[in-house]
C-alpha cells in the first residue's frame, strides 16, 4: 500500500485473469478497472477488506452449481444402475 502523509493512496490487487499484481489508486475502489497487461476487467477491491458482496454471491452460486451437478450425477448413476440391473 502506498501512502502519502500517512494516508493510503493506492493498494495492490492481483488481476483475476492473468494474476499480475497491479498498483491501484484508492479513488478507483469499487469501480471497474482493466489490467494493463492482459486487458482483463474487474472491480477494484482492497483485499484486506475481506470478500466483497459480489464475491460472496459468486461463491454461493458456485456452491449451488456444484450441489446441482452432484445431484445430477447421482441421478444418472442411479438410472444407469436400474437400467442395467448392476449395482456396486
N, C-alpha and C. Protein backbone atom coordinates (compact mmCIF):
# COMPACT_ATOMS: atom_id res chain seq x y z
N UNK A 1 0.84 -1.17 0.00
CA UNK A 1 0.00 0.00 0.00
C UNK A 1 0.89 1.23 0.00
N UNK A 2 0.66 2.15 -0.90
CA UNK A 2 1.41 3.39 -0.98
C UNK A 2 0.70 4.46 -0.17
N UNK A 3 1.49 5.21 0.62
CA UNK A 3 0.88 6.24 1.47
C UNK A 3 1.47 7.60 1.17
N UNK A 4 0.64 8.62 1.32
CA UNK A 4 1.06 10.00 1.19
C UNK A 4 0.63 10.70 2.46
N UNK A 5 1.60 11.15 3.25
CA UNK A 5 1.32 11.81 4.54
C UNK A 5 0.50 10.89 5.44
N UNK A 6 0.79 9.57 5.40
CA UNK A 6 0.11 8.60 6.24
C UNK A 6 -1.24 8.16 5.73
N UNK A 7 -1.70 8.71 4.61
CA UNK A 7 -3.00 8.34 4.04
C UNK A 7 -2.75 7.45 2.83
N UNK A 8 -3.40 6.27 2.80
CA UNK A 8 -3.20 5.38 1.65
C UNK A 8 -3.72 6.02 0.35
N UNK A 9 -2.90 5.95 -0.69
CA UNK A 9 -3.31 6.49 -1.99
C UNK A 9 -3.45 5.38 -3.03
N UNK A 10 -2.89 4.20 -2.73
CA UNK A 10 -3.02 3.07 -3.65
C UNK A 10 -2.84 1.77 -2.88
N UNK A 11 -3.22 0.68 -3.52
CA UNK A 11 -3.08 -0.63 -2.93
C UNK A 11 -2.76 -1.61 -4.04
N UNK A 12 -2.34 -2.80 -3.66
CA UNK A 12 -2.01 -3.83 -4.64
C UNK A 12 -3.15 -4.84 -4.72
N UNK A 13 -3.49 -5.21 -5.94
CA UNK A 13 -4.51 -6.23 -6.17
C UNK A 13 -4.08 -7.07 -7.36
N UNK A 14 -4.24 -8.37 -7.23
CA UNK A 14 -3.90 -9.27 -8.32
C UNK A 14 -5.00 -9.28 -9.36
N UNK A 15 -4.62 -9.30 -10.62
CA UNK A 15 -5.59 -9.41 -11.71
C UNK A 15 -6.18 -10.82 -11.66
N UNK A 16 -7.51 -10.95 -11.62
CA UNK A 16 -8.11 -12.28 -11.57
C UNK A 16 -7.96 -13.06 -12.88
N UNK A 17 -7.56 -12.38 -13.95
CA UNK A 17 -7.41 -13.04 -15.25
C UNK A 17 -6.00 -13.60 -15.42
N UNK A 18 -5.00 -12.74 -15.25
CA UNK A 18 -3.62 -13.18 -15.51
C UNK A 18 -2.77 -13.32 -14.24
N UNK A 19 -3.25 -12.80 -13.12
CA UNK A 19 -2.54 -12.94 -11.86
C UNK A 19 -1.51 -11.87 -11.58
N UNK A 20 -1.28 -10.98 -12.52
CA UNK A 20 -0.28 -9.93 -12.31
C UNK A 20 -0.71 -9.01 -11.18
N UNK A 21 0.23 -8.62 -10.32
CA UNK A 21 -0.06 -7.72 -9.21
C UNK A 21 -0.08 -6.29 -9.72
N UNK A 22 -1.20 -5.62 -9.50
CA UNK A 22 -1.37 -4.25 -10.00
C UNK A 22 -1.41 -3.25 -8.86
N UNK A 23 -0.91 -2.06 -9.10
CA UNK A 23 -0.96 -0.95 -8.15
C UNK A 23 -2.18 -0.10 -8.53
N UNK A 24 -3.21 -0.08 -7.66
CA UNK A 24 -4.48 0.58 -7.98
C UNK A 24 -4.71 1.73 -7.01
N UNK A 25 -5.09 2.89 -7.54
CA UNK A 25 -5.39 4.06 -6.69
C UNK A 25 -6.65 3.80 -5.88
N UNK A 26 -6.66 4.27 -4.64
CA UNK A 26 -7.83 4.08 -3.78
C UNK A 26 -9.06 4.79 -4.34
N UNK A 27 -8.88 5.80 -5.15
CA UNK A 27 -10.02 6.50 -5.75
C UNK A 27 -10.79 5.60 -6.71
N UNK A 28 -10.19 4.47 -7.10
CA UNK A 28 -10.86 3.54 -8.02
C UNK A 28 -11.55 2.39 -7.31
N UNK A 29 -11.51 2.36 -5.98
CA UNK A 29 -12.18 1.30 -5.23
C UNK A 29 -13.64 1.20 -5.62
N UNK A 30 -14.09 -0.03 -5.88
CA UNK A 30 -15.48 -0.26 -6.24
C UNK A 30 -15.80 0.01 -7.70
N UNK A 31 -14.82 0.46 -8.45
CA UNK A 31 -15.04 0.76 -9.87
C UNK A 31 -14.39 -0.31 -10.73
N UNK A 32 -14.87 -0.43 -11.96
CA UNK A 32 -14.31 -1.40 -12.89
C UNK A 32 -12.97 -0.85 -13.41
N UNK A 33 -11.95 -1.68 -13.31
CA UNK A 33 -10.62 -1.33 -13.81
C UNK A 33 -10.17 -2.42 -14.77
N UNK A 34 -9.15 -2.12 -15.53
CA UNK A 34 -8.64 -3.06 -16.53
C UNK A 34 -7.15 -3.27 -16.34
N UNK A 35 -6.73 -4.52 -16.42
CA UNK A 35 -5.33 -4.87 -16.29
C UNK A 35 -4.55 -4.30 -17.47
N UNK A 36 -3.45 -3.65 -17.17
CA UNK A 36 -2.63 -3.08 -18.24
C UNK A 36 -1.86 -4.16 -18.99
N UNK A 37 -1.75 -5.34 -18.40
CA UNK A 37 -1.00 -6.42 -19.03
C UNK A 37 -1.88 -7.24 -19.99
N UNK A 38 -3.05 -7.72 -19.49
CA UNK A 38 -3.87 -8.62 -20.30
C UNK A 38 -5.19 -8.00 -20.77
N UNK A 39 -5.55 -6.84 -20.21
CA UNK A 39 -6.80 -6.18 -20.59
C UNK A 39 -8.02 -6.70 -19.85
N UNK A 40 -7.82 -7.65 -18.94
CA UNK A 40 -8.95 -8.20 -18.17
C UNK A 40 -9.57 -7.15 -17.28
N UNK A 41 -10.91 -7.13 -17.24
CA UNK A 41 -11.62 -6.17 -16.41
C UNK A 41 -12.11 -6.80 -15.12
N UNK A 42 -12.08 -6.02 -14.04
CA UNK A 42 -12.56 -6.49 -12.74
C UNK A 42 -12.85 -5.28 -11.86
N UNK A 43 -13.52 -5.52 -10.75
CA UNK A 43 -13.85 -4.46 -9.81
C UNK A 43 -12.70 -4.30 -8.83
N UNK A 44 -12.20 -3.07 -8.68
CA UNK A 44 -11.11 -2.80 -7.75
C UNK A 44 -11.64 -2.93 -6.32
N UNK A 45 -10.98 -3.78 -5.54
CA UNK A 45 -11.39 -4.01 -4.16
C UNK A 45 -10.15 -4.27 -3.31
N UNK A 46 -10.06 -3.59 -2.20
CA UNK A 46 -8.94 -3.76 -1.29
C UNK A 46 -9.02 -5.16 -0.67
N UNK A 47 -8.07 -6.04 -0.95
CA UNK A 47 -8.13 -7.41 -0.45
C UNK A 47 -8.12 -7.49 1.07
N UNK A 48 -7.59 -6.49 1.75
CA UNK A 48 -7.56 -6.53 3.22
C UNK A 48 -8.93 -6.28 3.82
N UNK A 49 -9.89 -5.84 2.99
CA UNK A 49 -11.24 -5.57 3.48
C UNK A 49 -12.09 -6.84 3.55
N UNK A 50 -11.55 -7.98 3.10
CA UNK A 50 -12.31 -9.23 3.10
C UNK A 50 -13.10 -9.38 1.82
N UNK A 51 -13.85 -10.49 1.69
CA UNK A 51 -14.59 -10.73 0.45
C UNK A 51 -15.72 -9.72 0.25
N UNK A 52 -15.89 -9.29 -0.99
CA UNK A 52 -16.94 -8.33 -1.32
C UNK A 52 -18.29 -9.05 -1.43
N UNK A 53 -19.34 -8.26 -1.52
CA UNK A 53 -20.68 -8.82 -1.69
C UNK A 53 -20.73 -9.63 -2.98
N UNK A 54 -20.12 -9.12 -4.04
CA UNK A 54 -20.11 -9.82 -5.32
C UNK A 54 -19.38 -11.16 -5.20
N UNK A 55 -18.26 -11.18 -4.47
CA UNK A 55 -17.51 -12.43 -4.31
C UNK A 55 -18.31 -13.44 -3.49
N UNK A 56 -18.97 -12.99 -2.43
CA UNK A 56 -19.79 -13.91 -1.63
C UNK A 56 -20.95 -14.44 -2.45
N UNK A 57 -21.56 -13.59 -3.28
CA UNK A 57 -22.66 -14.02 -4.14
C UNK A 57 -22.17 -15.04 -5.15
N UNK A 58 -21.02 -14.79 -5.74
CA UNK A 58 -20.43 -15.72 -6.70
C UNK A 58 -20.14 -17.05 -6.03
N UNK A 59 -19.59 -17.01 -4.82
CA UNK A 59 -19.29 -18.24 -4.10
C UNK A 59 -20.55 -19.05 -3.84
N UNK A 60 -21.65 -18.39 -3.49
CA UNK A 60 -22.92 -19.10 -3.27
C UNK A 60 -23.42 -19.73 -4.56
N UNK A 61 -23.29 -19.02 -5.68
CA UNK A 61 -23.72 -19.56 -6.97
C UNK A 61 -22.88 -20.77 -7.35
N UNK A 62 -21.57 -20.70 -7.11
CA UNK A 62 -20.69 -21.82 -7.42
C UNK A 62 -21.06 -23.03 -6.57
N UNK A 63 -21.29 -22.80 -5.27
CA UNK A 63 -21.68 -23.91 -4.39
C UNK A 63 -23.00 -24.52 -4.85
N UNK A 64 -23.95 -23.70 -5.26
CA UNK A 64 -25.24 -24.20 -5.76
C UNK A 64 -25.05 -25.04 -7.02
N UNK A 65 -24.22 -24.56 -7.94
CA UNK A 65 -23.95 -25.32 -9.16
C UNK A 65 -23.29 -26.66 -8.87
N UNK A 66 -22.37 -26.66 -7.92
CA UNK A 66 -21.70 -27.92 -7.55
C UNK A 66 -22.71 -28.90 -6.97
N UNK A 67 -23.58 -28.42 -6.08
CA UNK A 67 -24.61 -29.29 -5.49
C UNK A 67 -25.54 -29.84 -6.57
N UNK A 68 -25.95 -28.99 -7.51
CA UNK A 68 -26.84 -29.45 -8.59
C UNK A 68 -26.14 -30.47 -9.48
N UNK A 69 -24.85 -30.25 -9.76
CA UNK A 69 -24.10 -31.19 -10.60
C UNK A 69 -23.95 -32.54 -9.88
N UNK A 70 -23.67 -32.50 -8.57
CA UNK A 70 -23.55 -33.74 -7.81
C UNK A 70 -24.88 -34.50 -7.81
N UNK A 71 -26.00 -33.78 -7.64
CA UNK A 71 -27.32 -34.42 -7.65
C UNK A 71 -27.61 -35.04 -9.02
N UNK A 72 -27.26 -34.32 -10.09
CA UNK A 72 -27.49 -34.84 -11.44
C UNK A 72 -26.64 -36.09 -11.69
N UNK A 73 -25.39 -36.08 -11.23
CA UNK A 73 -24.53 -37.25 -11.39
C UNK A 73 -25.08 -38.44 -10.60
N UNK A 74 -25.57 -38.18 -9.40
CA UNK A 74 -26.15 -39.25 -8.59
C UNK A 74 -27.38 -39.84 -9.28
N UNK A 75 -28.24 -38.97 -9.83
CA UNK A 75 -29.44 -39.45 -10.54
C UNK A 75 -29.04 -40.27 -11.76
N UNK A 76 -28.03 -39.81 -12.49
CA UNK A 76 -27.58 -40.55 -13.67
C UNK A 76 -27.03 -41.92 -13.28
N UNK A 77 -26.28 -41.96 -12.18
CA UNK A 77 -25.72 -43.23 -11.72
C UNK A 77 -26.84 -44.19 -11.30
N UNK A 78 -27.85 -43.65 -10.61
CA UNK A 78 -28.97 -44.49 -10.18
C UNK A 78 -29.76 -44.99 -11.39
N UNK A 79 -29.95 -44.14 -12.38
CA UNK A 79 -30.68 -44.54 -13.59
C UNK A 79 -29.90 -45.62 -14.34
N UNK A 80 -28.59 -45.48 -14.41
CA UNK A 80 -27.75 -46.47 -15.09
C UNK A 80 -27.82 -47.81 -14.36
N UNK A 81 -27.76 -47.76 -13.04
CA UNK A 81 -27.84 -49.00 -12.26
C UNK A 81 -29.17 -49.70 -12.47
N UNK A 82 -30.27 -48.94 -12.48
CA UNK A 82 -31.58 -49.56 -12.65
C UNK A 82 -31.79 -50.06 -14.09
N UNK A 83 -31.18 -49.38 -15.08
CA UNK A 83 -31.31 -49.83 -16.47
C UNK A 83 -30.54 -51.12 -16.72
N UNK A 84 -29.38 -51.25 -16.11
CA UNK A 84 -28.54 -52.43 -16.36
C UNK A 84 -28.74 -53.51 -15.32
N UNK A 85 -29.34 -53.16 -14.20
CA UNK A 85 -29.52 -54.12 -13.13
C UNK A 85 -28.25 -54.34 -12.34
N UNK A 86 -27.23 -53.52 -12.58
CA UNK A 86 -25.96 -53.65 -11.89
C UNK A 86 -25.92 -52.67 -10.74
N UNK A 87 -25.28 -53.02 -9.73
CA UNK A 87 -25.05 -52.11 -8.60
C UNK A 87 -23.65 -52.36 -8.09
N UNK A 88 -23.09 -51.38 -7.43
CA UNK A 88 -21.72 -51.51 -6.88
C UNK A 88 -21.69 -52.50 -5.76
